[in-house]
N, C-alpha and C. Protein backbone atom coordinates (compact mmCIF):
# COMPACT_ATOMS: atom_id res chain seq x y z
N MET A 1 0.85 -1.18 0.00
CA MET A 1 0.00 0.00 0.00
C MET A 1 0.90 1.24 0.00
N GLY A 2 0.57 2.24 -0.84
CA GLY A 2 1.37 3.45 -0.94
C GLY A 2 1.14 4.39 0.23
N SER A 3 2.05 5.29 0.38
CA SER A 3 1.96 6.27 1.46
C SER A 3 0.93 7.34 1.11
N LEU A 4 0.12 7.73 2.09
CA LEU A 4 -0.85 8.80 1.89
C LEU A 4 -0.16 10.15 1.79
N LEU A 5 1.07 10.27 2.31
CA LEU A 5 1.78 11.54 2.25
C LEU A 5 2.26 11.85 0.84
N GLY A 6 2.28 10.88 -0.04
CA GLY A 6 2.73 11.10 -1.40
C GLY A 6 1.79 11.95 -2.23
N VAL A 7 0.53 12.08 -1.81
CA VAL A 7 -0.44 12.85 -2.58
C VAL A 7 -0.64 14.25 -2.03
N LEU A 8 0.06 14.62 -0.96
CA LEU A 8 -0.10 15.95 -0.38
C LEU A 8 0.69 16.98 -1.18
N PRO A 9 0.25 18.26 -1.16
CA PRO A 9 1.01 19.30 -1.87
C PRO A 9 2.40 19.48 -1.29
N SER A 10 3.31 19.96 -2.11
CA SER A 10 4.69 20.15 -1.69
C SER A 10 5.11 21.58 -1.94
N PHE A 11 5.97 22.12 -1.08
CA PHE A 11 6.52 23.46 -1.26
C PHE A 11 7.90 23.41 -1.92
N ASP A 12 8.37 22.23 -2.25
CA ASP A 12 9.68 22.08 -2.87
C ASP A 12 9.55 22.32 -4.37
N PRO A 13 10.19 23.39 -4.92
CA PRO A 13 10.03 23.69 -6.35
C PRO A 13 10.60 22.60 -7.26
N LEU A 14 11.52 21.79 -6.77
CA LEU A 14 12.08 20.72 -7.60
C LEU A 14 11.06 19.62 -7.88
N ASN A 15 10.01 19.54 -7.06
CA ASN A 15 8.98 18.53 -7.28
C ASN A 15 8.08 18.87 -8.46
N PHE A 16 8.17 20.10 -8.98
CA PHE A 16 7.27 20.53 -10.04
C PHE A 16 7.96 20.59 -11.40
N ASN A 17 9.20 20.13 -11.50
CA ASN A 17 9.91 20.23 -12.77
C ASN A 17 9.48 19.16 -13.77
N GLN A 18 8.68 18.20 -13.38
CA GLN A 18 8.26 17.16 -14.30
C GLN A 18 6.77 17.23 -14.62
N LEU A 19 6.12 18.34 -14.29
CA LEU A 19 4.70 18.48 -14.60
C LEU A 19 4.51 18.62 -16.10
N ARG A 20 3.54 17.92 -16.62
CA ARG A 20 3.23 17.99 -18.04
C ARG A 20 1.73 18.22 -18.18
N PRO A 21 1.31 18.95 -19.23
CA PRO A 21 -0.13 19.12 -19.44
C PRO A 21 -0.79 17.78 -19.73
N SER A 22 -2.04 17.64 -19.32
CA SER A 22 -2.74 16.37 -19.53
C SER A 22 -2.99 16.13 -21.01
N ASP A 23 -3.17 17.20 -21.80
CA ASP A 23 -3.38 17.08 -23.23
C ASP A 23 -2.37 17.97 -23.95
N PRO A 24 -1.29 17.42 -24.50
CA PRO A 24 -0.26 18.24 -25.14
C PRO A 24 -0.77 19.03 -26.34
N SER A 25 -1.84 18.58 -26.99
CA SER A 25 -2.36 19.30 -28.15
C SER A 25 -3.13 20.55 -27.74
N ASN A 26 -3.49 20.68 -26.46
CA ASN A 26 -4.23 21.83 -25.96
C ASN A 26 -3.49 22.41 -24.76
N PRO A 27 -2.39 23.17 -24.98
CA PRO A 27 -1.62 23.68 -23.85
C PRO A 27 -2.39 24.72 -23.05
N CYS A 28 -2.05 24.82 -21.80
CA CYS A 28 -2.70 25.78 -20.90
C CYS A 28 -2.17 27.18 -21.19
N LYS A 29 -3.08 28.14 -21.31
CA LYS A 29 -2.68 29.53 -21.55
C LYS A 29 -3.11 30.35 -20.34
N LEU A 30 -2.13 30.79 -19.56
CA LEU A 30 -2.42 31.56 -18.36
C LEU A 30 -2.28 33.05 -18.66
N MET A 31 -3.17 33.85 -18.11
CA MET A 31 -3.11 35.30 -18.26
C MET A 31 -2.43 35.88 -17.02
N PRO A 32 -1.58 36.89 -17.19
CA PRO A 32 -0.94 37.50 -16.02
C PRO A 32 -1.97 38.21 -15.14
N VAL A 33 -1.77 38.14 -13.84
CA VAL A 33 -2.68 38.74 -12.89
C VAL A 33 -2.32 40.19 -12.63
N THR A 34 -1.05 40.51 -12.66
CA THR A 34 -0.59 41.86 -12.35
C THR A 34 -0.61 42.74 -13.59
N TYR A 35 -1.10 43.95 -13.42
CA TYR A 35 -1.15 44.91 -14.52
C TYR A 35 0.19 45.60 -14.67
N HIS A 36 0.74 45.61 -15.88
CA HIS A 36 1.99 46.31 -16.18
C HIS A 36 1.69 47.33 -17.27
N SER A 37 1.80 48.61 -16.94
CA SER A 37 1.50 49.64 -17.93
C SER A 37 2.57 49.66 -19.01
N SER A 38 2.16 50.01 -20.21
CA SER A 38 3.11 50.07 -21.32
C SER A 38 3.88 51.39 -21.32
N HIS A 39 3.34 52.41 -20.69
CA HIS A 39 4.04 53.68 -20.51
C HIS A 39 3.44 54.40 -19.31
N ILE A 40 4.03 55.49 -18.89
CA ILE A 40 3.65 56.17 -17.65
C ILE A 40 2.23 56.72 -17.71
N ARG A 41 1.75 57.12 -18.88
CA ARG A 41 0.43 57.75 -18.98
C ARG A 41 -0.71 56.75 -18.92
N THR A 42 -0.43 55.47 -18.94
CA THR A 42 -1.49 54.47 -18.91
C THR A 42 -2.01 54.32 -17.48
N PRO A 43 -3.30 54.60 -17.25
CA PRO A 43 -3.84 54.44 -15.90
C PRO A 43 -4.04 52.95 -15.57
N PRO A 44 -3.95 52.59 -14.31
CA PRO A 44 -4.21 51.20 -13.93
C PRO A 44 -5.70 50.90 -14.02
N PRO A 45 -6.07 49.65 -14.03
CA PRO A 45 -7.49 49.29 -14.04
C PRO A 45 -8.19 49.87 -12.81
N PRO A 46 -9.48 50.20 -12.93
CA PRO A 46 -10.19 50.83 -11.81
C PRO A 46 -10.33 49.93 -10.58
N ASP A 47 -10.26 48.62 -10.75
CA ASP A 47 -10.42 47.73 -9.60
C ASP A 47 -9.10 47.38 -8.94
N GLN A 48 -7.98 47.94 -9.42
CA GLN A 48 -6.68 47.66 -8.81
C GLN A 48 -6.45 48.61 -7.65
N VAL A 49 -6.08 48.06 -6.50
CA VAL A 49 -5.82 48.85 -5.30
C VAL A 49 -4.33 48.78 -5.01
N ILE A 50 -3.71 49.96 -4.89
CA ILE A 50 -2.28 50.03 -4.60
C ILE A 50 -2.12 50.69 -3.24
N THR A 51 -1.51 50.00 -2.31
CA THR A 51 -1.27 50.57 -0.98
C THR A 51 0.22 50.62 -0.73
N THR A 52 0.66 51.70 -0.09
CA THR A 52 2.08 51.85 0.21
C THR A 52 2.34 51.93 1.70
N GLU A 53 1.29 52.09 2.49
CA GLU A 53 1.45 52.20 3.94
C GLU A 53 0.60 51.15 4.63
N THR A 54 1.09 50.70 5.77
CA THR A 54 0.32 49.77 6.57
C THR A 54 -0.63 50.55 7.45
N LYS A 55 -1.90 50.18 7.41
CA LYS A 55 -2.89 50.86 8.23
C LYS A 55 -3.11 50.05 9.50
N PHE A 56 -3.02 50.73 10.63
CA PHE A 56 -3.23 50.08 11.91
C PHE A 56 -4.64 50.40 12.40
N THR A 57 -5.33 49.40 12.91
CA THR A 57 -6.64 49.61 13.52
C THR A 57 -6.50 49.35 15.00
N TYR A 58 -6.98 50.29 15.77
CA TYR A 58 -6.89 50.17 17.22
C TYR A 58 -8.23 49.88 17.82
């Protein structure tokens, strides 16, 4: 009987170097989550929140 620990997620990046898509003819296309402006005048998306200070609640 195999170990149950073998199916748990791992934080070791070397364990992910052999991952392959289940269907090679249909590769996964991921979209970037972070917005990168193409130049300074490009405004960020309206739903993006940028914080530079930590707010403390007392």
